[in-house]
């Protein structure tokens, strides 16, 4: 069983929304390779171009990995995790399937440590 399934563009978060959990320093090409699909791209008013993929983890947790193209350093993909789950456990699941060691994360939310 794969560690995730791709969620179609436009899928909704739970009523509780999401938490920005961490910033993973991974190149868009590498992320697309790891998920086995091209990233979805678009433009958000005020924020500019973005590229992303939505995933449902093996645990059932909904996540989004999104990168704003014009964002200043540090670069990487923001990990958004459904607010109706254990954020720390879900983040561990994400970095495990991406093969990113925890110490490589560019930023981690205080919500992860709560």
N, C-alpha and C. Protein backbone atom coordinates (compact mmCIF):
# COMPACT_ATOMS: atom_id res chain seq x y z
N UNK A 1 0.85 -1.19 0.00
CA UNK A 1 0.00 0.00 0.00
C UNK A 1 0.89 1.24 0.00
N UNK A 2 0.57 2.20 -0.87
CA UNK A 2 1.34 3.44 -0.94
C UNK A 2 1.16 4.25 0.34
N UNK A 3 2.14 5.09 0.69
CA UNK A 3 2.03 5.88 1.91
C UNK A 3 1.04 7.05 1.79
N UNK A 4 0.41 7.22 0.60
CA UNK A 4 -0.52 8.32 0.39
C UNK A 4 -1.34 8.08 -0.86
N UNK A 5 -2.40 8.87 -1.02
CA UNK A 5 -3.11 8.95 -2.29
C UNK A 5 -3.25 10.44 -2.62
N UNK A 6 -3.21 10.75 -3.90
CA UNK A 6 -3.33 12.14 -4.33
C UNK A 6 -4.79 12.57 -4.21
N UNK A 7 -4.99 13.75 -3.64
CA UNK A 7 -6.32 14.32 -3.47
C UNK A 7 -6.58 15.28 -4.63
N UNK A 8 -7.74 15.20 -5.26
CA UNK A 8 -8.01 16.09 -6.40
C UNK A 8 -8.00 17.57 -5.99
N UNK A 9 -7.59 18.40 -6.95
CA UNK A 9 -7.59 19.85 -6.71
C UNK A 9 -9.00 20.28 -6.32
N UNK A 10 -9.08 21.18 -5.34
CA UNK A 10 -10.37 21.69 -4.88
C UNK A 10 -10.98 20.93 -3.72
N UNK A 11 -10.33 19.85 -3.28
CA UNK A 11 -10.85 19.10 -2.13
C UNK A 11 -10.87 20.02 -0.91
N UNK A 12 -11.86 19.85 -0.07
CA UNK A 12 -12.04 20.75 1.07
C UNK A 12 -11.41 20.19 2.35
N UNK A 13 -10.91 21.12 3.14
CA UNK A 13 -10.44 20.78 4.48
C UNK A 13 -11.65 20.52 5.36
N UNK A 14 -11.42 19.92 6.51
CA UNK A 14 -12.50 19.77 7.48
C UNK A 14 -12.95 21.17 7.92
N UNK A 15 -14.03 21.23 8.64
CA UNK A 15 -14.52 22.53 9.14
C UNK A 15 -13.50 23.20 10.05
N UNK A 16 -12.57 22.44 10.60
CA UNK A 16 -11.57 23.01 11.51
C UNK A 16 -10.37 23.57 10.77
N UNK A 17 -10.31 23.43 9.43
CA UNK A 17 -9.23 24.02 8.66
C UNK A 17 -7.92 23.26 8.76
N UNK A 18 -6.83 24.01 8.65
CA UNK A 18 -5.50 23.38 8.65
C UNK A 18 -4.53 24.20 9.48
N UNK A 19 -3.39 23.58 9.76
CA UNK A 19 -2.28 24.22 10.45
C UNK A 19 -1.08 24.18 9.51
N UNK A 20 -0.38 25.29 9.37
CA UNK A 20 0.90 25.30 8.66
C UNK A 20 1.92 24.70 9.62
N UNK A 21 2.34 23.48 9.34
CA UNK A 21 3.13 22.72 10.30
C UNK A 21 4.63 22.89 10.15
N UNK A 22 5.10 23.01 8.91
CA UNK A 22 6.55 23.05 8.70
C UNK A 22 6.86 23.50 7.28
N UNK A 23 8.13 23.79 7.06
CA UNK A 23 8.63 24.12 5.73
C UNK A 23 9.69 23.08 5.38
N UNK A 24 9.42 22.32 4.31
CA UNK A 24 10.32 21.25 3.89
C UNK A 24 11.15 21.72 2.71
N UNK A 25 12.48 21.72 2.85
CA UNK A 25 13.34 22.16 1.75
C UNK A 25 13.49 21.05 0.70
N UNK A 26 12.56 21.04 -0.25
CA UNK A 26 12.58 20.03 -1.30
C UNK A 26 12.26 20.74 -2.62
N UNK A 27 12.95 20.36 -3.67
CA UNK A 27 12.74 20.96 -4.98
C UNK A 27 11.42 20.48 -5.58
N UNK A 28 10.75 21.34 -6.35
CA UNK A 28 9.48 20.93 -6.97
C UNK A 28 9.61 19.66 -7.82
N UNK A 29 10.69 19.55 -8.56
CA UNK A 29 10.89 18.37 -9.41
C UNK A 29 11.01 17.10 -8.58
N UNK A 30 11.70 17.20 -7.46
CA UNK A 30 11.87 16.04 -6.57
C UNK A 30 10.53 15.64 -5.94
N UNK A 31 9.74 16.64 -5.52
CA UNK A 31 8.44 16.34 -4.92
C UNK A 31 7.54 15.66 -5.94
N UNK A 32 7.49 16.18 -7.16
CA UNK A 32 6.67 15.57 -8.21
C UNK A 32 7.10 14.12 -8.46
N UNK A 33 8.41 13.89 -8.45
CA UNK A 33 8.94 12.53 -8.63
C UNK A 33 8.49 11.62 -7.50
N UNK A 34 8.57 12.10 -6.27
CA UNK A 34 8.21 11.28 -5.10
C UNK A 34 6.73 10.94 -5.06
N UNK A 35 5.87 11.88 -5.47
CA UNK A 35 4.43 11.60 -5.43
C UNK A 35 3.95 10.93 -6.72
N UNK A 36 4.81 10.92 -7.74
CA UNK A 36 4.46 10.25 -8.98
C UNK A 36 3.42 10.97 -9.81
N UNK A 37 3.37 12.29 -9.68
CA UNK A 37 2.39 13.07 -10.43
C UNK A 37 2.89 14.50 -10.55
N UNK A 38 2.45 15.21 -11.60
CA UNK A 38 2.84 16.61 -11.71
C UNK A 38 2.16 17.44 -10.62
N UNK A 39 2.80 18.51 -10.22
CA UNK A 39 2.22 19.42 -9.24
C UNK A 39 1.15 20.27 -9.91
N UNK A 40 0.16 20.66 -9.15
CA UNK A 40 -0.87 21.58 -9.62
C UNK A 40 -0.30 22.98 -9.50
N UNK A 41 -0.56 23.83 -10.47
CA UNK A 41 -0.02 25.19 -10.45
C UNK A 41 -1.15 26.19 -10.62
N UNK A 42 -0.94 27.38 -10.03
CA UNK A 42 -1.92 28.44 -10.15
C UNK A 42 -1.35 29.76 -9.68
N UNK A 43 -2.22 30.76 -9.59
CA UNK A 43 -1.84 32.08 -9.12
C UNK A 43 -2.87 32.51 -8.09
N UNK A 44 -2.40 32.99 -6.95
CA UNK A 44 -3.27 33.48 -5.89
C UNK A 44 -3.09 34.98 -5.78
N UNK A 45 -4.18 35.70 -5.81
CA UNK A 45 -4.14 37.16 -5.74
C UNK A 45 -3.37 37.62 -4.51
N UNK A 46 -2.39 38.48 -4.73
CA UNK A 46 -1.59 39.02 -3.64
C UNK A 46 -0.38 38.16 -3.26
N UNK A 47 -0.41 36.89 -3.62
CA UNK A 47 0.70 36.00 -3.27
C UNK A 47 1.46 35.51 -4.49
N UNK A 48 0.85 35.59 -5.64
CA UNK A 48 1.52 35.19 -6.87
C UNK A 48 1.40 33.71 -7.17
N UNK A 49 2.34 33.23 -7.99
CA UNK A 49 2.31 31.85 -8.45
C UNK A 49 2.58 30.86 -7.34
N UNK A 50 1.94 29.70 -7.45
CA UNK A 50 2.15 28.62 -6.50
C UNK A 50 2.16 27.29 -7.22
N UNK A 51 2.71 26.29 -6.56
CA UNK A 51 2.64 24.91 -7.02
C UNK A 51 2.42 24.04 -5.80
N UNK A 52 1.59 23.00 -5.96
CA UNK A 52 1.17 22.24 -4.79
C UNK A 52 0.70 20.85 -5.17
N UNK A 53 0.54 20.04 -4.14
CA UNK A 53 -0.10 18.73 -4.27
C UNK A 53 -0.82 18.46 -2.95
N UNK A 54 -2.03 17.91 -3.08
CA UNK A 54 -2.80 17.50 -1.90
C UNK A 54 -2.71 15.99 -1.77
N UNK A 55 -2.53 15.52 -0.55
CA UNK A 55 -2.39 14.09 -0.31
C UNK A 55 -3.23 13.66 0.89
N UNK A 56 -3.71 12.43 0.83
CA UNK A 56 -4.30 11.79 2.00
C UNK A 56 -3.31 10.73 2.42
N UNK A 57 -2.79 10.87 3.62
CA UNK A 57 -1.79 9.93 4.13
C UNK A 57 -2.43 8.59 4.44
N UNK A 58 -1.61 7.58 4.58
CA UNK A 58 -2.09 6.24 4.92
C UNK A 58 -2.99 6.28 6.17
N UNK A 59 -2.66 7.17 7.10
CA UNK A 59 -3.45 7.32 8.33
C UNK A 59 -4.82 7.95 8.09
N UNK A 60 -5.04 8.50 6.88
CA UNK A 60 -6.29 9.18 6.57
C UNK A 60 -6.20 10.69 6.68
N UNK A 61 -5.09 11.19 7.19
CA UNK A 61 -4.90 12.62 7.37
C UNK A 61 -4.73 13.33 6.02
N UNK A 62 -5.44 14.43 5.86
CA UNK A 62 -5.34 15.24 4.66
C UNK A 62 -4.23 16.27 4.84
N UNK A 63 -3.33 16.36 3.84
CA UNK A 63 -2.25 17.36 3.87
C UNK A 63 -2.16 18.06 2.53
N UNK A 64 -1.52 19.20 2.54
CA UNK A 64 -1.18 19.91 1.31
C UNK A 64 0.27 20.33 1.42
N UNK A 65 1.01 20.17 0.35
CA UNK A 65 2.37 20.66 0.24
C UNK A 65 2.31 21.77 -0.81
N UNK A 66 2.60 23.00 -0.40
CA UNK A 66 2.45 24.15 -1.30
C UNK A 66 3.68 25.04 -1.23
N UNK A 67 4.05 25.57 -2.38
CA UNK A 67 5.19 26.48 -2.48
C UNK A 67 4.75 27.70 -3.27
N UNK A 68 4.99 28.87 -2.68
CA UNK A 68 4.76 30.13 -3.39
C UNK A 68 6.06 30.49 -4.09
N UNK A 69 6.00 30.63 -5.40
CA UNK A 69 7.18 30.78 -6.23
C UNK A 69 8.01 32.00 -5.85
N UNK A 70 7.38 33.12 -5.53
CA UNK A 70 8.12 34.35 -5.25
C UNK A 70 8.46 34.52 -3.77
N UNK A 71 8.20 33.51 -2.95
CA UNK A 71 8.47 33.61 -1.52
C UNK A 71 9.97 33.79 -1.29
N UNK A 72 10.33 34.69 -0.38
CA UNK A 72 11.76 34.84 -0.06
C UNK A 72 12.28 33.60 0.67
N UNK A 73 13.58 33.49 0.77
CA UNK A 73 14.20 32.36 1.46
C UNK A 73 13.75 32.32 2.91
N UNK A 74 13.70 31.16 3.51
CA UNK A 74 14.11 29.87 2.96
C UNK A 74 13.05 29.32 2.00
N UNK A 75 13.52 28.65 0.96
CA UNK A 75 12.64 28.05 -0.03
C UNK A 75 12.21 26.66 0.42
N UNK A 76 11.10 26.21 -0.11
CA UNK A 76 10.62 24.86 0.18
C UNK A 76 9.11 24.82 0.11
N UNK A 77 8.56 23.71 0.53
CA UNK A 77 7.12 23.51 0.51
C UNK A 77 6.57 23.58 1.93
N UNK A 78 5.55 24.40 2.09
CA UNK A 78 4.84 24.50 3.35
C UNK A 78 3.97 23.25 3.49
N UNK A 79 4.02 22.64 4.65
CA UNK A 79 3.20 21.46 4.92
C UNK A 79 1.98 21.92 5.71
N UNK A 80 0.83 21.83 5.06
CA UNK A 80 -0.43 22.15 5.72
C UNK A 80 -1.11 20.85 6.09
N UNK A 81 -1.49 20.74 7.36
CA UNK A 81 -2.07 19.50 7.88
C UNK A 81 -3.43 19.81 8.46
N UNK A 82 -4.40 18.94 8.16
CA UNK A 82 -5.74 19.12 8.70
C UNK A 82 -5.73 19.30 10.20
N UNK A 83 -6.46 20.31 10.66
CA UNK A 83 -6.46 20.69 12.08
C UNK A 83 -7.23 19.71 12.96
N UNK A 84 -7.77 18.66 12.36
CA UNK A 84 -8.55 17.70 13.13
C UNK A 84 -7.75 16.43 13.42
N UNK A 85 -6.42 16.58 13.44
CA UNK A 85 -5.56 15.42 13.66
C UNK A 85 -4.39 15.79 14.57
N UNK A 86 -3.59 14.81 14.95
CA UNK A 86 -2.39 15.07 15.72
C UNK A 86 -1.32 15.58 14.75
N UNK A 87 -1.02 16.87 14.82
CA UNK A 87 -0.13 17.54 13.87
C UNK A 87 1.27 16.91 13.89
N UNK A 88 1.81 16.66 15.06
CA UNK A 88 3.16 16.11 15.17
C UNK A 88 3.26 14.73 14.54
N UNK A 89 2.28 13.87 14.78
CA UNK A 89 2.28 12.52 14.21
C UNK A 89 2.17 12.60 12.69
N UNK A 90 1.28 13.46 12.19
CA UNK A 90 1.11 13.60 10.74
C UNK A 90 2.39 14.13 10.09
N UNK A 91 3.05 15.10 10.71
CA UNK A 91 4.29 15.63 10.15
C UNK A 91 5.36 14.55 10.08
N UNK A 92 5.46 13.74 11.11
CA UNK A 92 6.42 12.62 11.07
C UNK A 92 6.12 11.68 9.91
N UNK A 93 4.85 11.43 9.67
CA UNK A 93 4.45 10.57 8.56
C UNK A 93 4.86 11.19 7.21
N UNK A 94 4.68 12.50 7.07
CA UNK A 94 5.04 13.20 5.84
C UNK A 94 6.55 13.14 5.59
N UNK A 95 7.33 13.51 6.57
CA UNK A 95 8.78 13.55 6.35
C UNK A 95 9.37 12.16 6.16
N UNK A 96 8.72 11.15 6.74
CA UNK A 96 9.19 9.77 6.55
C UNK A 96 9.03 9.35 5.09
N UNK A 97 7.86 9.58 4.49
CA UNK A 97 7.70 9.14 3.11
C UNK A 97 8.48 10.01 2.14
N UNK A 98 8.77 11.28 2.51
CA UNK A 98 9.59 12.13 1.65
C UNK A 98 11.09 11.86 1.84
N UNK A 99 11.44 11.18 2.91
CA UNK A 99 12.85 10.90 3.18
C UNK A 99 13.62 12.12 3.65
N UNK A 100 12.94 13.02 4.35
CA UNK A 100 13.57 14.25 4.86
C UNK A 100 13.80 14.09 6.36
N UNK A 101 15.04 14.21 6.82
CA UNK A 101 15.27 14.10 8.26
C UNK A 101 14.70 15.32 8.99
N UNK A 102 14.20 15.14 10.20
CA UNK A 102 13.59 16.25 10.94
C UNK A 102 14.50 17.47 11.07
N UNK A 103 15.79 17.26 11.22
CA UNK A 103 16.72 18.38 11.38
C UNK A 103 16.88 19.19 10.10
N UNK A 104 16.40 18.68 8.97
CA UNK A 104 16.50 19.40 7.70
C UNK A 104 15.34 20.38 7.49
N UNK A 105 14.30 20.29 8.32
CA UNK A 105 13.16 21.19 8.16
C UNK A 105 13.60 22.63 8.37
N UNK A 106 13.20 23.51 7.45
CA UNK A 106 13.60 24.91 7.52
C UNK A 106 12.86 25.67 8.61
N UNK A 107 11.67 25.20 8.96
CA UNK A 107 10.83 25.86 9.96
C UNK A 107 9.83 24.84 10.47
N UNK A 108 9.54 24.89 11.76
CA UNK A 108 8.52 24.01 12.36
C UNK A 108 7.62 24.86 13.24
N UNK A 109 6.32 24.69 13.08
CA UNK A 109 5.33 25.44 13.85
C UNK A 109 5.34 25.05 15.32
N UNK A 110 5.05 26.00 16.20
CA UNK A 110 4.89 25.65 17.62
C UNK A 110 3.74 24.66 17.84
N UNK A 111 2.77 24.61 16.91
CA UNK A 111 1.67 23.66 17.03
C UNK A 111 2.16 22.21 17.00
N UNK A 112 3.29 21.99 16.36
CA UNK A 112 3.84 20.64 16.27
C UNK A 112 4.36 20.20 17.63
N UNK A 113 4.85 21.12 18.38
CA UNK A 113 5.44 20.79 19.69
C UNK A 113 4.41 20.79 20.81
N UNK A 114 3.20 21.27 20.49
CA UNK A 114 2.16 21.39 21.53
C UNK A 114 1.62 20.05 21.95
